[in-house]
């Protein structure tokens, strides 16, 4: 799960930044993002298994395909919603495009970018049990095996399902804390 989250974010953030700065890139990515979001997970599990065989790698790739679009979309949206006035001010003071993005756009789009990372983590966790069908293992496999042998492994399945839910809640709270303004957290 953690590998899928890291890989998803490492793919999504640069693509989201690029799409947020370029209308052409955003138009090119849009159909692929739509396709990845609306296809049922089982539809792209088949080509992933065909290309990478059954195992953890196939599970990670399936999770990444499913989890990347929200982060790309929300990162791009965050950059596009930055008001023009601060950007214009930075440009008028001689900021290069890279400095403008790093010092103006990224701080102002921080909440949207962190929301994209949060949604990517939730999407990876949503595919854990389905990825276990193709050999991803871990908690998803324990929860899946409990459905095959409910009399023997019911307790393990419940524990695995609760662990996935608690992990999702914990990661959600961590990313929400990163997104809060530092001034409003002091009391």
N, C-alpha and C. Protein backbone atom coordinates (compact mmCIF):
# COMPACT_ATOMS: atom_id res chain seq x y z
N UNK A 1 0.83 -1.19 0.00
CA UNK A 1 0.00 0.00 0.00
C UNK A 1 0.87 1.25 0.00
N UNK A 2 1.86 1.26 0.85
CA UNK A 2 2.71 2.45 0.93
C UNK A 2 3.50 2.68 -0.36
N UNK A 3 3.95 1.59 -0.97
CA UNK A 3 4.66 1.72 -2.24
C UNK A 3 3.72 2.29 -3.31
N UNK A 4 2.50 1.79 -3.35
CA UNK A 4 1.53 2.29 -4.33
C UNK A 4 1.20 3.77 -4.08
N UNK A 5 1.11 4.17 -2.82
CA UNK A 5 0.84 5.58 -2.51
C UNK A 5 2.01 6.45 -2.97
N UNK A 6 3.23 6.05 -2.64
CA UNK A 6 4.41 6.85 -3.01
C UNK A 6 4.54 6.94 -4.53
N UNK A 7 4.40 5.81 -5.21
CA UNK A 7 4.51 5.81 -6.68
C UNK A 7 3.41 6.67 -7.30
N UNK A 8 2.21 6.56 -6.78
CA UNK A 8 1.09 7.36 -7.31
C UNK A 8 1.35 8.85 -7.17
N UNK A 9 1.81 9.25 -6.00
CA UNK A 9 2.08 10.67 -5.76
C UNK A 9 3.25 11.15 -6.61
N UNK A 10 4.29 10.32 -6.74
CA UNK A 10 5.45 10.71 -7.56
C UNK A 10 5.10 10.84 -9.04
N UNK A 11 4.11 10.11 -9.49
CA UNK A 11 3.66 10.24 -10.87
C UNK A 11 2.69 11.41 -11.01
N UNK A 12 1.77 11.53 -10.06
CA UNK A 12 0.68 12.49 -10.18
C UNK A 12 1.11 13.94 -9.99
N UNK A 13 1.97 14.21 -9.03
CA UNK A 13 2.33 15.61 -8.76
C UNK A 13 3.00 16.29 -9.95
N UNK A 14 4.03 15.71 -10.56
CA UNK A 14 4.62 16.38 -11.72
C UNK A 14 3.63 16.54 -12.88
N UNK A 15 2.82 15.51 -13.12
CA UNK A 15 1.83 15.62 -14.19
C UNK A 15 0.77 16.68 -13.87
N UNK A 16 0.36 16.75 -12.59
CA UNK A 16 -0.60 17.77 -12.19
C UNK A 16 -0.03 19.17 -12.30
N UNK A 17 1.24 19.33 -11.92
CA UNK A 17 1.88 20.64 -12.06
C UNK A 17 2.01 21.04 -13.52
N UNK A 18 2.37 20.07 -14.34
CA UNK A 18 2.51 20.34 -15.77
C UNK A 18 1.15 20.69 -16.38
N UNK A 19 0.12 19.95 -16.02
CA UNK A 19 -1.23 20.22 -16.53
C UNK A 19 -1.76 21.55 -16.01
N UNK A 20 -1.38 21.93 -14.80
CA UNK A 20 -1.82 23.20 -14.25
C UNK A 20 -1.19 24.39 -14.93
N UNK A 21 -0.03 24.19 -15.54
CA UNK A 21 0.68 25.27 -16.22
C UNK A 21 0.44 25.30 -17.72
N UNK A 22 -0.10 24.20 -18.28
CA UNK A 22 -0.26 24.12 -19.73
C UNK A 22 -1.66 23.63 -20.10
N UNK A 23 -2.37 24.46 -20.87
CA UNK A 23 -3.71 24.06 -21.32
C UNK A 23 -3.63 22.85 -22.25
N UNK A 24 -2.61 22.79 -23.07
CA UNK A 24 -2.47 21.69 -24.02
C UNK A 24 -2.29 20.35 -23.29
N UNK A 25 -1.44 20.34 -22.28
CA UNK A 25 -1.21 19.11 -21.51
C UNK A 25 -2.48 18.69 -20.80
N UNK A 26 -3.19 19.67 -20.25
CA UNK A 26 -4.44 19.37 -19.55
C UNK A 26 -5.47 18.75 -20.50
N UNK A 27 -5.55 19.26 -21.72
CA UNK A 27 -6.49 18.71 -22.70
C UNK A 27 -6.08 17.31 -23.15
N UNK A 28 -4.78 17.06 -23.22
CA UNK A 28 -4.31 15.74 -23.62
C UNK A 28 -4.55 14.72 -22.50
N UNK A 29 -4.32 15.12 -21.25
CA UNK A 29 -4.48 14.20 -20.13
C UNK A 29 -5.94 13.90 -19.79
N UNK A 30 -6.82 14.84 -20.06
CA UNK A 30 -8.22 14.71 -19.64
C UNK A 30 -8.87 13.39 -20.07
N UNK A 31 -8.78 12.96 -21.34
CA UNK A 31 -9.44 11.68 -21.70
C UNK A 31 -8.84 10.47 -20.99
N UNK A 32 -7.52 10.49 -20.77
CA UNK A 32 -6.89 9.38 -20.06
C UNK A 32 -7.32 9.34 -18.61
N UNK A 33 -7.43 10.51 -17.98
CA UNK A 33 -7.88 10.57 -16.60
C UNK A 33 -9.34 10.13 -16.48
N UNK A 34 -10.17 10.57 -17.43
CA UNK A 34 -11.57 10.15 -17.43
C UNK A 34 -11.67 8.63 -17.57
N UNK A 35 -10.89 8.07 -18.48
CA UNK A 35 -10.92 6.63 -18.71
C UNK A 35 -10.47 5.86 -17.46
N UNK A 36 -9.38 6.32 -16.83
CA UNK A 36 -8.88 5.62 -15.65
C UNK A 36 -9.87 5.71 -14.49
N UNK A 37 -10.66 6.80 -14.42
CA UNK A 37 -11.58 6.94 -13.31
C UNK A 37 -12.90 6.22 -13.51
N UNK A 38 -13.36 6.08 -14.75
CA UNK A 38 -14.68 5.49 -14.95
C UNK A 38 -14.64 3.99 -15.24
N UNK A 39 -13.49 3.47 -15.64
CA UNK A 39 -13.40 2.03 -15.89
C UNK A 39 -13.49 1.27 -14.57
N UNK A 40 -14.27 0.22 -14.52
CA UNK A 40 -14.26 -0.61 -13.31
C UNK A 40 -12.87 -1.20 -13.10
N UNK A 41 -12.52 -1.41 -11.86
CA UNK A 41 -11.16 -1.85 -11.53
C UNK A 41 -10.82 -3.19 -12.16
N UNK A 42 -11.80 -4.06 -12.29
CA UNK A 42 -11.53 -5.38 -12.87
C UNK A 42 -11.16 -5.29 -14.34
N UNK A 43 -11.59 -4.26 -15.04
CA UNK A 43 -11.30 -4.13 -16.47
C UNK A 43 -9.81 -3.93 -16.71
N UNK A 44 -9.16 -3.11 -15.91
CA UNK A 44 -7.73 -2.92 -16.15
C UNK A 44 -6.87 -3.88 -15.34
N UNK A 45 -7.47 -4.71 -14.49
CA UNK A 45 -6.68 -5.75 -13.83
C UNK A 45 -6.22 -6.80 -14.84
N UNK A 46 -7.06 -7.08 -15.84
CA UNK A 46 -6.71 -8.10 -16.84
C UNK A 46 -5.46 -7.74 -17.63
N UNK A 47 -5.36 -6.54 -18.24
CA UNK A 47 -4.11 -6.24 -18.94
C UNK A 47 -2.90 -6.14 -18.02
N UNK A 48 -3.11 -5.67 -16.80
CA UNK A 48 -1.99 -5.57 -15.85
C UNK A 48 -1.47 -6.97 -15.53
N UNK A 49 -2.36 -7.92 -15.29
CA UNK A 49 -1.93 -9.30 -15.01
C UNK A 49 -1.27 -9.91 -16.25
N UNK A 50 -1.81 -9.61 -17.42
CA UNK A 50 -1.23 -10.13 -18.66
C UNK A 50 0.19 -9.60 -18.86
N UNK A 51 0.41 -8.32 -18.58
CA UNK A 51 1.73 -7.72 -18.81
C UNK A 51 2.73 -8.01 -17.69
N UNK A 52 2.27 -8.08 -16.45
CA UNK A 52 3.19 -8.18 -15.33
C UNK A 52 3.07 -9.46 -14.52
N UNK A 53 2.20 -10.37 -14.92
CA UNK A 53 1.95 -11.63 -14.21
C UNK A 53 1.31 -11.35 -12.84
N UNK A 54 0.87 -12.41 -12.20
CA UNK A 54 0.22 -12.29 -10.91
C UNK A 54 1.29 -12.04 -9.84
N UNK A 55 1.03 -11.08 -8.97
CA UNK A 55 1.98 -10.80 -7.90
C UNK A 55 1.83 -9.39 -7.37
N UNK A 56 2.74 -9.02 -6.52
CA UNK A 56 2.68 -7.70 -5.87
C UNK A 56 2.85 -6.56 -6.88
N UNK A 57 3.72 -6.74 -7.86
CA UNK A 57 3.94 -5.68 -8.84
C UNK A 57 2.65 -5.36 -9.59
N UNK A 58 1.92 -6.38 -9.97
CA UNK A 58 0.65 -6.16 -10.66
C UNK A 58 -0.34 -5.44 -9.75
N UNK A 59 -0.35 -5.79 -8.47
CA UNK A 59 -1.24 -5.13 -7.52
C UNK A 59 -0.89 -3.66 -7.35
N UNK A 60 0.40 -3.36 -7.27
CA UNK A 60 0.83 -1.96 -7.14
C UNK A 60 0.45 -1.17 -8.38
N UNK A 61 0.67 -1.74 -9.55
CA UNK A 61 0.36 -1.04 -10.80
C UNK A 61 -1.14 -0.80 -10.92
N UNK A 62 -1.95 -1.78 -10.56
CA UNK A 62 -3.40 -1.60 -10.61
C UNK A 62 -3.84 -0.49 -9.65
N UNK A 63 -3.25 -0.46 -8.47
CA UNK A 63 -3.58 0.61 -7.50
C UNK A 63 -3.17 1.97 -8.05
N UNK A 64 -2.00 2.04 -8.67
CA UNK A 64 -1.50 3.31 -9.20
C UNK A 64 -2.41 3.83 -10.31
N UNK A 65 -2.82 2.95 -11.21
CA UNK A 65 -3.70 3.37 -12.31
C UNK A 65 -4.99 3.96 -11.77
N UNK A 66 -5.52 3.36 -10.74
CA UNK A 66 -6.77 3.81 -10.15
C UNK A 66 -6.61 5.08 -9.32
N UNK A 67 -5.44 5.25 -8.68
CA UNK A 67 -5.28 6.32 -7.70
C UNK A 67 -4.67 7.61 -8.25
N UNK A 68 -4.04 7.58 -9.40
CA UNK A 68 -3.35 8.76 -9.92
C UNK A 68 -4.30 9.89 -10.36
N UNK A 69 -5.42 9.63 -11.02
CA UNK A 69 -6.23 10.73 -11.56
C UNK A 69 -6.67 11.80 -10.56
N UNK A 70 -7.13 11.47 -9.35
CA UNK A 70 -7.55 12.56 -8.46
C UNK A 70 -6.43 13.53 -8.11
N UNK A 71 -5.24 13.02 -7.90
CA UNK A 71 -4.13 13.90 -7.54
C UNK A 71 -3.74 14.80 -8.71
N UNK A 72 -3.74 14.25 -9.92
CA UNK A 72 -3.43 15.07 -11.10
C UNK A 72 -4.48 16.16 -11.26
N UNK A 73 -5.74 15.79 -11.18
CA UNK A 73 -6.82 16.77 -11.37
C UNK A 73 -6.81 17.86 -10.30
N UNK A 74 -6.66 17.47 -9.04
CA UNK A 74 -6.71 18.46 -7.96
C UNK A 74 -5.46 19.34 -7.92
N UNK A 75 -4.31 18.81 -8.28
CA UNK A 75 -3.11 19.63 -8.37
C UNK A 75 -3.25 20.66 -9.49
N UNK A 76 -3.72 20.20 -10.64
CA UNK A 76 -3.94 21.11 -11.77
C UNK A 76 -4.97 22.17 -11.42
N UNK A 77 -6.06 21.76 -10.80
CA UNK A 77 -7.11 22.69 -10.41
C UNK A 77 -6.59 23.72 -9.41
N UNK A 78 -5.81 23.27 -8.44
CA UNK A 78 -5.25 24.19 -7.45
C UNK A 78 -4.38 25.25 -8.08
N UNK A 79 -3.53 24.86 -9.03
CA UNK A 79 -2.68 25.84 -9.70
C UNK A 79 -3.50 26.80 -10.56
N UNK A 80 -4.52 26.29 -11.20
CA UNK A 80 -5.35 27.14 -12.07
C UNK A 80 -6.22 28.11 -11.28
N UNK A 81 -6.52 27.79 -10.02
CA UNK A 81 -7.36 28.67 -9.22
C UNK A 81 -6.58 29.72 -8.43
N UNK A 82 -5.27 29.74 -8.56
CA UNK A 82 -4.48 30.77 -7.89
C UNK A 82 -4.83 32.11 -8.55
N UNK A 83 -5.19 33.12 -7.76
CA UNK A 83 -5.54 34.42 -8.34
C UNK A 83 -4.39 35.02 -9.15
N UNK A 84 -4.74 35.81 -10.13
CA UNK A 84 -3.74 36.39 -11.02
C UNK A 84 -2.94 37.49 -10.33
N UNK A 85 -3.52 38.20 -9.38
CA UNK A 85 -2.84 39.35 -8.76
C UNK A 85 -1.51 38.96 -8.08
N UNK A 86 -1.45 37.93 -7.25
CA UNK A 86 -0.15 37.58 -6.66
C UNK A 86 0.86 37.11 -7.70
N UNK A 87 0.38 36.41 -8.69
CA UNK A 87 1.28 35.95 -9.76
C UNK A 87 1.84 37.13 -10.53
N UNK A 88 0.96 38.08 -10.86
CA UNK A 88 1.39 39.27 -11.60
C UNK A 88 2.39 40.08 -10.78
N UNK A 89 2.15 40.17 -9.48
CA UNK A 89 3.07 40.89 -8.60
C UNK A 89 4.45 40.24 -8.61
N UNK A 90 4.49 38.93 -8.51
CA UNK A 90 5.78 38.22 -8.54
C UNK A 90 6.49 38.43 -9.87
N UNK A 91 5.74 38.37 -10.96
CA UNK A 91 6.33 38.57 -12.29
C UNK A 91 6.86 39.98 -12.42
N UNK A 92 6.10 40.96 -11.92
CA UNK A 92 6.54 42.35 -12.04
C UNK A 92 7.79 42.64 -11.21
N UNK A 93 8.03 41.87 -10.16
CA UNK A 93 9.24 42.02 -9.36
C UNK A 93 10.40 41.18 -9.91
N UNK A 94 10.20 40.56 -11.07
CA UNK A 94 11.29 39.87 -11.75
C UNK A 94 11.41 38.38 -11.45
N UNK A 95 10.36 37.76 -10.93
CA UNK A 95 10.43 36.33 -10.65
C UNK A 95 10.42 35.54 -11.96
N UNK A 96 11.24 34.51 -12.01
CA UNK A 96 11.22 33.62 -13.16
C UNK A 96 9.98 32.73 -13.06
N UNK A 97 9.59 32.06 -14.14
CA UNK A 97 8.43 31.16 -14.04
C UNK A 97 8.59 30.10 -12.94
N UNK A 98 9.79 29.58 -12.77
CA UNK A 98 10.03 28.57 -11.72
C UNK A 98 9.86 29.19 -10.33
N UNK A 99 10.40 30.39 -10.13
CA UNK A 99 10.26 31.07 -8.83
C UNK A 99 8.80 31.41 -8.56
N UNK A 100 8.09 31.85 -9.60
CA UNK A 100 6.68 32.16 -9.43
C UNK A 100 5.90 30.92 -8.99
N UNK A 101 6.19 29.80 -9.63
CA UNK A 101 5.47 28.58 -9.26
C UNK A 101 5.84 28.14 -7.85
N UNK A 102 7.12 28.12 -7.53
CA UNK A 102 7.57 27.63 -6.24
C UNK A 102 7.17 28.55 -5.08
N UNK A 103 7.25 29.86 -5.28
CA UNK A 103 7.04 30.80 -4.18
C UNK A 103 5.65 31.41 -4.12
N UNK A 104 4.88 31.31 -5.22
CA UNK A 104 3.55 31.92 -5.23
C UNK A 104 2.47 30.87 -5.45
N UNK A 105 2.54 30.17 -6.57
CA UNK A 105 1.46 29.25 -6.93
C UNK A 105 1.37 28.04 -6.00
N UNK A 106 2.50 27.39 -5.73
CA UNK A 106 2.45 26.19 -4.87
C UNK A 106 1.95 26.49 -3.46
N UNK A 107 2.43 27.56 -2.80
CA UNK A 107 1.87 27.84 -1.47
C UNK A 107 0.38 28.16 -1.50
N UNK A 108 -0.08 28.86 -2.53
CA UNK A 108 -1.49 29.20 -2.60
C UNK A 108 -2.36 28.01 -3.01
N UNK A 109 -1.78 27.03 -3.69
CA UNK A 109 -2.53 25.85 -4.12
C UNK A 109 -2.31 24.66 -3.18
N UNK A 110 -1.64 24.90 -2.06
CA UNK A 110 -1.26 23.83 -1.13
C UNK A 110 -2.43 22.98 -0.68
N UNK A 111 -3.53 23.60 -0.32
CA UNK A 111 -4.67 22.83 0.19
C UNK A 111 -5.24 21.91 -0.89
N UNK A 112 -5.33 22.39 -2.10
CA UNK A 112 -5.84 21.56 -3.18
C UNK A 112 -4.89 20.40 -3.50
N UNK A 113 -3.59 20.68 -3.47
CA UNK A 113 -2.61 19.64 -3.74
C UNK A 113 -2.65 18.57 -2.64
N UNK A 114 -2.74 19.00 -1.39
CA UNK A 114 -2.83 18.04 -0.29
C UNK A 114 -4.13 17.25 -0.34
N UNK A 115 -5.20 17.88 -0.79
CA UNK A 115 -6.45 17.13 -0.97
C UNK A 115 -6.28 16.06 -2.05
N UNK A 116 -5.55 16.39 -3.11
CA UNK A 116 -5.27 15.39 -4.14
C UNK A 116 -4.45 14.23 -3.61
N UNK A 117 -3.45 14.52 -2.79
CA UNK A 117 -2.65 13.46 -2.18
C UNK A 117 -3.51 12.61 -1.25
N UNK A 118 -4.37 13.28 -0.49
CA UNK A 118 -5.29 12.57 0.41
C UNK A 118 -6.20 11.64 -0.38
N UNK A 119 -6.77 12.13 -1.46
CA UNK A 119 -7.67 11.29 -2.27
C UNK A 119 -6.92 10.15 -2.93
N UNK A 120 -5.69 10.38 -3.31
CA UNK A 120 -4.88 9.30 -3.88
C UNK A 120 -4.65 8.20 -2.86
N UNK A 121 -4.35 8.59 -1.62
CA UNK A 121 -4.18 7.57 -0.57
C UNK A 121 -5.47 6.80 -0.34
N UNK A 122 -6.59 7.48 -0.34
CA UNK A 122 -7.87 6.79 -0.13
C UNK A 122 -8.18 5.84 -1.29
N UNK A 123 -7.83 6.25 -2.50
CA UNK A 123 -8.08 5.39 -3.66
C UNK A 123 -7.19 4.14 -3.62
N UNK A 124 -5.95 4.29 -3.18
CA UNK A 124 -5.08 3.12 -3.04
C UNK A 124 -5.67 2.17 -2.01
N UNK A 125 -6.11 2.71 -0.89
CA UNK A 125 -6.69 1.85 0.14
C UNK A 125 -7.99 1.21 -0.33
N UNK A 126 -8.71 1.88 -1.23
CA UNK A 126 -9.95 1.31 -1.76
C UNK A 126 -9.68 0.12 -2.68
N UNK A 127 -8.49 0.06 -3.25
CA UNK A 127 -8.18 -1.04 -4.17
C UNK A 127 -7.39 -2.16 -3.52
N UNK A 128 -7.14 -2.08 -2.23
CA UNK A 128 -6.32 -3.08 -1.56
C UNK A 128 -6.90 -4.48 -1.67
N UNK A 129 -8.18 -4.62 -1.41
CA UNK A 129 -8.79 -5.96 -1.45
C UNK A 129 -8.89 -6.46 -2.88
N UNK A 130 -9.21 -5.59 -3.81
CA UNK A 130 -9.27 -6.02 -5.21
C UNK A 130 -7.88 -6.39 -5.72
N UNK A 131 -6.86 -5.64 -5.32
CA UNK A 131 -5.49 -5.97 -5.73
C UNK A 131 -5.04 -7.31 -5.15
N UNK A 132 -5.62 -7.69 -4.01
CA UNK A 132 -5.24 -8.99 -3.44
C UNK A 132 -5.71 -10.15 -4.32
N UNK A 133 -6.70 -9.91 -5.16
CA UNK A 133 -7.17 -10.95 -6.08
C UNK A 133 -6.10 -11.32 -7.10
N UNK A 134 -5.16 -10.41 -7.35
CA UNK A 134 -4.11 -10.71 -8.32
C UNK A 134 -2.75 -10.89 -7.64
N UNK A 135 -2.79 -11.20 -6.35
CA UNK A 135 -1.57 -11.57 -5.65
C UNK A 135 -0.86 -10.45 -4.93
N UNK A 136 -1.54 -9.34 -4.62
CA UNK A 136 -0.88 -8.23 -3.94
C UNK A 136 -0.57 -8.55 -2.49
N UNK A 137 -1.34 -9.40 -1.87
CA UNK A 137 -1.05 -9.81 -0.50
C UNK A 137 -1.45 -8.78 0.54
N UNK A 138 -0.84 -8.88 1.71
CA UNK A 138 -1.02 -7.98 2.85
C UNK A 138 -2.44 -8.05 3.42
N UNK A 139 -2.93 -6.93 3.94
CA UNK A 139 -4.23 -6.90 4.60
C UNK A 139 -5.37 -7.26 3.65
N UNK A 140 -5.25 -6.86 2.41
CA UNK A 140 -6.29 -7.18 1.43
C UNK A 140 -6.44 -8.68 1.24
N UNK A 141 -5.33 -9.39 1.24
CA UNK A 141 -5.37 -10.85 1.08
C UNK A 141 -6.02 -11.51 2.29
N UNK A 142 -5.71 -11.03 3.48
CA UNK A 142 -6.31 -11.58 4.70
C UNK A 142 -7.82 -11.37 4.68
N UNK A 143 -8.26 -10.17 4.28
CA UNK A 143 -9.70 -9.89 4.21
C UNK A 143 -10.36 -10.74 3.13
N UNK A 144 -9.70 -10.91 2.00
CA UNK A 144 -10.26 -11.72 0.92
C UNK A 144 -10.35 -13.20 1.30
N UNK A 145 -9.32 -13.73 1.96
CA UNK A 145 -9.34 -15.13 2.36
C UNK A 145 -10.46 -15.42 3.36
N UNK A 146 -10.83 -14.42 4.13
CA UNK A 146 -11.92 -14.60 5.10
C UNK A 146 -13.25 -14.84 4.41
N UNK A 147 -13.41 -14.33 3.18
CA UNK A 147 -14.66 -14.59 2.46
C UNK A 147 -14.68 -16.01 1.91
N UNK A 148 -13.50 -16.58 1.64
CA UNK A 148 -13.44 -17.95 1.13
C UNK A 148 -13.66 -18.98 2.24
N UNK A 149 -13.21 -18.69 3.45
CA UNK A 149 -13.34 -19.61 4.58
C UNK A 149 -13.91 -18.86 5.78
N UNK A 150 -15.18 -18.46 5.70
CA UNK A 150 -15.73 -17.62 6.78
C UNK A 150 -15.78 -18.30 8.14
N UNK A 151 -15.91 -19.62 8.17
CA UNK A 151 -15.98 -20.32 9.46
C UNK A 151 -14.64 -20.32 10.17
N UNK A 152 -13.57 -20.35 9.40
CA UNK A 152 -12.24 -20.46 9.98
C UNK A 152 -11.59 -19.09 10.20
N UNK A 153 -11.73 -18.21 9.24
CA UNK A 153 -10.97 -16.96 9.27
C UNK A 153 -11.84 -15.71 9.43
N UNK A 154 -13.01 -15.84 9.99
CA UNK A 154 -13.90 -14.69 10.14
C UNK A 154 -13.25 -13.60 10.99
N UNK A 155 -12.66 -13.96 12.10
CA UNK A 155 -12.02 -12.98 12.98
C UNK A 155 -10.86 -12.27 12.31
N UNK A 156 -10.06 -13.02 11.57
CA UNK A 156 -8.94 -12.41 10.84
C UNK A 156 -9.44 -11.45 9.78
N UNK A 157 -10.51 -11.83 9.08
CA UNK A 157 -11.07 -10.96 8.06
C UNK A 157 -11.62 -9.66 8.63
N UNK A 158 -12.31 -9.77 9.75
CA UNK A 158 -12.84 -8.57 10.41
C UNK A 158 -11.68 -7.69 10.88
N UNK A 159 -10.66 -8.30 11.47
CA UNK A 159 -9.50 -7.54 11.93
C UNK A 159 -8.79 -6.85 10.76
N UNK A 160 -8.65 -7.55 9.64
CA UNK A 160 -8.00 -6.95 8.47
C UNK A 160 -8.84 -5.80 7.91
N UNK A 161 -10.14 -6.01 7.81
CA UNK A 161 -11.02 -4.94 7.32
C UNK A 161 -10.98 -3.72 8.22
N UNK A 162 -11.03 -3.93 9.53
CA UNK A 162 -10.94 -2.81 10.47
C UNK A 162 -9.57 -2.13 10.40
N UNK A 163 -8.53 -2.91 10.19
CA UNK A 163 -7.19 -2.33 10.06
C UNK A 163 -7.09 -1.43 8.84
N UNK A 164 -7.69 -1.86 7.73
CA UNK A 164 -7.69 -1.03 6.52
C UNK A 164 -8.45 0.27 6.77
N UNK A 165 -9.60 0.17 7.43
CA UNK A 165 -10.40 1.36 7.72
C UNK A 165 -9.64 2.29 8.66
N UNK A 166 -9.04 1.75 9.72
CA UNK A 166 -8.30 2.58 10.67
C UNK A 166 -7.07 3.21 10.03
N UNK A 167 -6.40 2.47 9.15
CA UNK A 167 -5.27 3.03 8.42
C UNK A 167 -5.72 4.18 7.54
N UNK A 168 -6.85 4.02 6.86
CA UNK A 168 -7.38 5.08 6.02
C UNK A 168 -7.72 6.32 6.85
N UNK A 169 -8.35 6.12 8.00
CA UNK A 169 -8.70 7.25 8.87
C UNK A 169 -7.44 7.95 9.37
N UNK A 170 -6.43 7.17 9.77
CA UNK A 170 -5.19 7.75 10.27
C UNK A 170 -4.49 8.58 9.19
N UNK A 171 -4.36 8.01 7.99
CA UNK A 171 -3.71 8.74 6.90
C UNK A 171 -4.52 9.98 6.50
N UNK A 172 -5.85 9.88 6.55
CA UNK A 172 -6.70 11.02 6.26
C UNK A 172 -6.46 12.14 7.25
N UNK A 173 -6.40 11.82 8.53
CA UNK A 173 -6.18 12.84 9.57
C UNK A 173 -4.80 13.48 9.44
N UNK A 174 -3.81 12.68 9.08
CA UNK A 174 -2.45 13.22 8.93
C UNK A 174 -2.41 14.23 7.79
N UNK A 175 -2.97 13.88 6.64
CA UNK A 175 -2.94 14.82 5.51
C UNK A 175 -3.84 16.02 5.76
N UNK A 176 -4.92 15.85 6.50
CA UNK A 176 -5.75 17.02 6.85
C UNK A 176 -4.96 17.97 7.75
N UNK A 177 -4.18 17.43 8.66
CA UNK A 177 -3.37 18.28 9.54
C UNK A 177 -2.31 19.04 8.75
N UNK A 178 -1.74 18.42 7.73
CA UNK A 178 -0.77 19.12 6.88
C UNK A 178 -1.42 20.27 6.14
N UNK A 179 -2.71 20.14 5.82
CA UNK A 179 -3.40 21.15 5.03
C UNK A 179 -3.91 22.33 5.83
N UNK A 180 -3.92 22.24 7.14
CA UNK A 180 -4.40 23.35 7.96
C UNK A 180 -3.42 24.50 7.94
N UNK A 181 -3.96 25.70 8.03
CA UNK A 181 -3.10 26.88 8.16
C UNK A 181 -2.40 26.84 9.51
N UNK A 182 -1.16 27.20 9.52
CA UNK A 182 -0.40 27.17 10.77
C UNK A 182 -0.92 28.19 11.79
N UNK A 183 -1.45 29.31 11.32
CA UNK A 183 -1.96 30.34 12.23
C UNK A 183 -3.24 29.90 12.93
N UNK A 184 -4.08 29.11 12.25
CA UNK A 184 -5.35 28.72 12.84
C UNK A 184 -5.22 27.53 13.77
N UNK A 185 -4.10 26.82 13.77
CA UNK A 185 -3.94 25.66 14.63
C UNK A 185 -3.51 26.05 16.03
N UNK A 186 -2.99 27.26 16.20
CA UNK A 186 -2.59 27.71 17.53
C UNK A 186 -3.80 28.16 18.32
N UNK A 187 -3.88 27.72 19.56
CA UNK A 187 -4.99 28.14 20.40
C UNK A 187 -4.51 28.44 21.80
